[in-house]
Amino acid sequence: MTRRRLFPLVALVALLAMVTPAAHGSPAASAGQLTTLSTTDRLADRREVAAGTRAHSIGFEDGRFYANGWHITGEMGGVWAPPLKLVDGVWFGLDGRREPPSSRWTPTPS
């Protein structure tokens, strides 16, 4: 592909990457009312990942860290700072009793 044809394509892709819903003047975005998606079904079957530049957490949407993974069977969940696994699982409790699993999942923007 020649440079003459490549430049408009790159410019179009860059322009599309910068477009946000607020730029289109959507009523929800302009009013400051962003909608959130929540779910309450099958939370124990849905994986959740929180990733950063130095560590990541792999669990399930009900807040638990069940055994998951096929590469190393049952050992891929937890909190990782590659190549080290820092925490295998986390449980919260009060007065010696574990908290029940979460009943609702609402992701938040980062």
Protein backbone atom coordinates (compact mmCIF):
# COMPACT_ATOMS: atom_id res chain seq x y z
CA MET A 1 0.00 0.00 0.00
CA THR A 2 1.43 3.39 -0.95
CA ARG A 3 1.89 6.23 1.51
CA ARG A 4 -0.82 8.27 -0.22
CA ARG A 5 -3.39 5.58 0.49
CA LEU A 6 -2.04 4.65 3.93
CA PHE A 7 -2.17 8.15 5.50
CA PRO A 8 -5.97 8.66 5.15
CA LEU A 9 -6.55 5.18 6.55
CA VAL A 10 -4.33 5.83 9.58
CA ALA A 11 -5.96 9.24 10.12
CA LEU A 12 -9.43 7.67 10.00
CA VAL A 13 -8.49 4.97 12.51
CA ALA A 14 -6.97 7.58 14.85
CA LEU A 15 -10.08 9.73 14.58
CA LEU A 16 -12.38 6.80 15.33
CA ALA A 17 -10.26 5.86 18.35
CA MET A 18 -10.78 9.31 19.86
CA VAL A 19 -14.56 9.28 19.53
CA THR A 20 -16.41 8.88 22.82
CA PRO A 21 -20.14 8.63 23.58
CA ALA A 22 -20.05 12.14 25.09
CA ALA A 23 -18.74 13.53 21.80
CA HIS A 24 -21.96 12.41 20.10
CA GLY A 25 -24.02 14.45 22.55
CA SER A 26 -25.85 11.51 24.09
CA PRO A 27 -28.41 12.71 26.64
CA ALA A 28 -27.10 10.44 29.40
CA ALA A 29 -23.50 11.57 29.00
CA SER A 30 -24.34 15.26 28.76
CA ALA A 31 -26.57 15.08 31.84
CA GLY A 32 -23.82 13.33 33.81
CA GLN A 33 -25.90 10.17 34.20
CA LEU A 34 -23.81 7.22 33.13
CA THR A 35 -25.58 3.90 33.12
CA THR A 36 -24.01 0.88 34.79
CA LEU A 37 -24.45 -2.74 33.93
CA SER A 38 -25.12 -5.11 36.80
CA THR A 39 -25.85 -8.79 36.92
CA THR A 40 -27.08 -11.16 39.60
CA ASP A 41 -27.17 -14.54 37.84
CA ARG A 42 -24.47 -17.23 37.78
CA LEU A 43 -21.82 -15.10 39.51
CA ALA A 44 -19.89 -18.19 40.62
CA ASP A 45 -19.48 -19.21 36.96
CA ARG A 46 -18.12 -15.88 35.71
CA ARG A 47 -14.45 -15.01 36.01
CA GLU A 48 -13.27 -11.57 37.02
CA VAL A 49 -9.84 -10.09 36.31
CA ALA A 50 -8.37 -6.92 37.74
CA ALA A 51 -5.09 -6.18 35.97
CA GLY A 52 -2.45 -3.56 36.55
CA THR A 53 1.04 -2.96 35.26
CA ARG A 54 2.72 -5.04 37.99
CA ALA A 55 0.05 -7.35 39.38
CA HIS A 56 -3.28 -8.93 38.54
CA SER A 57 -6.08 -10.68 40.38
CA ILE A 58 -8.09 -13.57 38.92
CA GLY A 59 -11.24 -14.58 40.74
CA PHE A 60 -14.96 -14.95 40.24
CA GLU A 61 -17.70 -12.33 40.20
CA ASP A 62 -19.19 -13.55 43.48
CA GLY A 63 -15.98 -12.43 45.20
CA ARG A 64 -14.50 -15.87 45.77
CA PHE A 65 -11.31 -17.48 44.50
CA TYR A 66 -12.33 -20.99 43.48
CA ALA A 67 -9.85 -23.41 41.94
CA ASN A 68 -9.68 -22.57 38.24
CA GLY A 69 -7.32 -22.89 35.33
CA TRP A 70 -6.32 -25.59 32.93
CA HIS A 71 -2.63 -24.78 32.40
CA ILE A 72 -1.85 -25.68 35.99
CA THR A 73 -5.11 -27.31 37.04
CA GLY A 74 -6.83 -25.39 39.82
CA GLU A 75 -3.89 -23.06 40.49
CA MET A 76 -4.40 -20.09 38.17
CA GLY A 77 -6.67 -17.94 40.38
CA GLY A 78 -5.52 -15.55 43.09
CA VAL A 79 -3.37 -12.45 43.19
CA TRP A 80 -0.25 -12.53 41.00
CA ALA A 81 2.82 -10.36 40.56
CA PRO A 82 4.39 -12.44 37.80
CA PRO A 83 6.17 -14.75 38.18
CA LEU A 84 5.08 -14.96 41.84
CA LYS A 85 1.64 -15.91 43.15
CA LEU A 86 1.14 -13.62 46.15
CA VAL A 87 -2.25 -14.79 47.44
CA ASP A 88 -4.07 -18.01 46.65
CA GLY A 89 -7.42 -16.87 47.98
CA VAL A 90 -9.00 -14.20 50.14
CA TRP A 91 -11.93 -14.65 52.51
CA PHE A 92 -13.50 -11.96 54.61
CA GLY A 93 -15.12 -12.64 57.94
CA LEU A 94 -16.48 -11.05 61.06
CA ASP A 95 -16.49 -12.69 64.51
CA GLY A 96 -15.14 -15.94 63.10
CA ARG A 97 -17.84 -16.24 60.41
CA ARG A 98 -17.16 -15.97 56.70
CA GLU A 99 -19.09 -13.45 54.70
CA PRO A 100 -21.48 -14.98 52.15
CA PRO A 101 -20.70 -14.73 48.43
CA SER A 102 -21.68 -11.56 46.65
CA SER A 103 -25.16 -11.55 45.14
CA ARG A 104 -24.62 -8.70 42.63
CA TRP A 105 -21.79 -7.70 40.28
CA THR A 106 -21.39 -4.15 38.99
CA PRO A 107 -18.19 -3.38 37.09
CA THR A 108 -16.77 0.11 37.45
CA PRO A 109 -14.73 2.05 34.91
CA SER A 110 -11.06 2.45 35.67
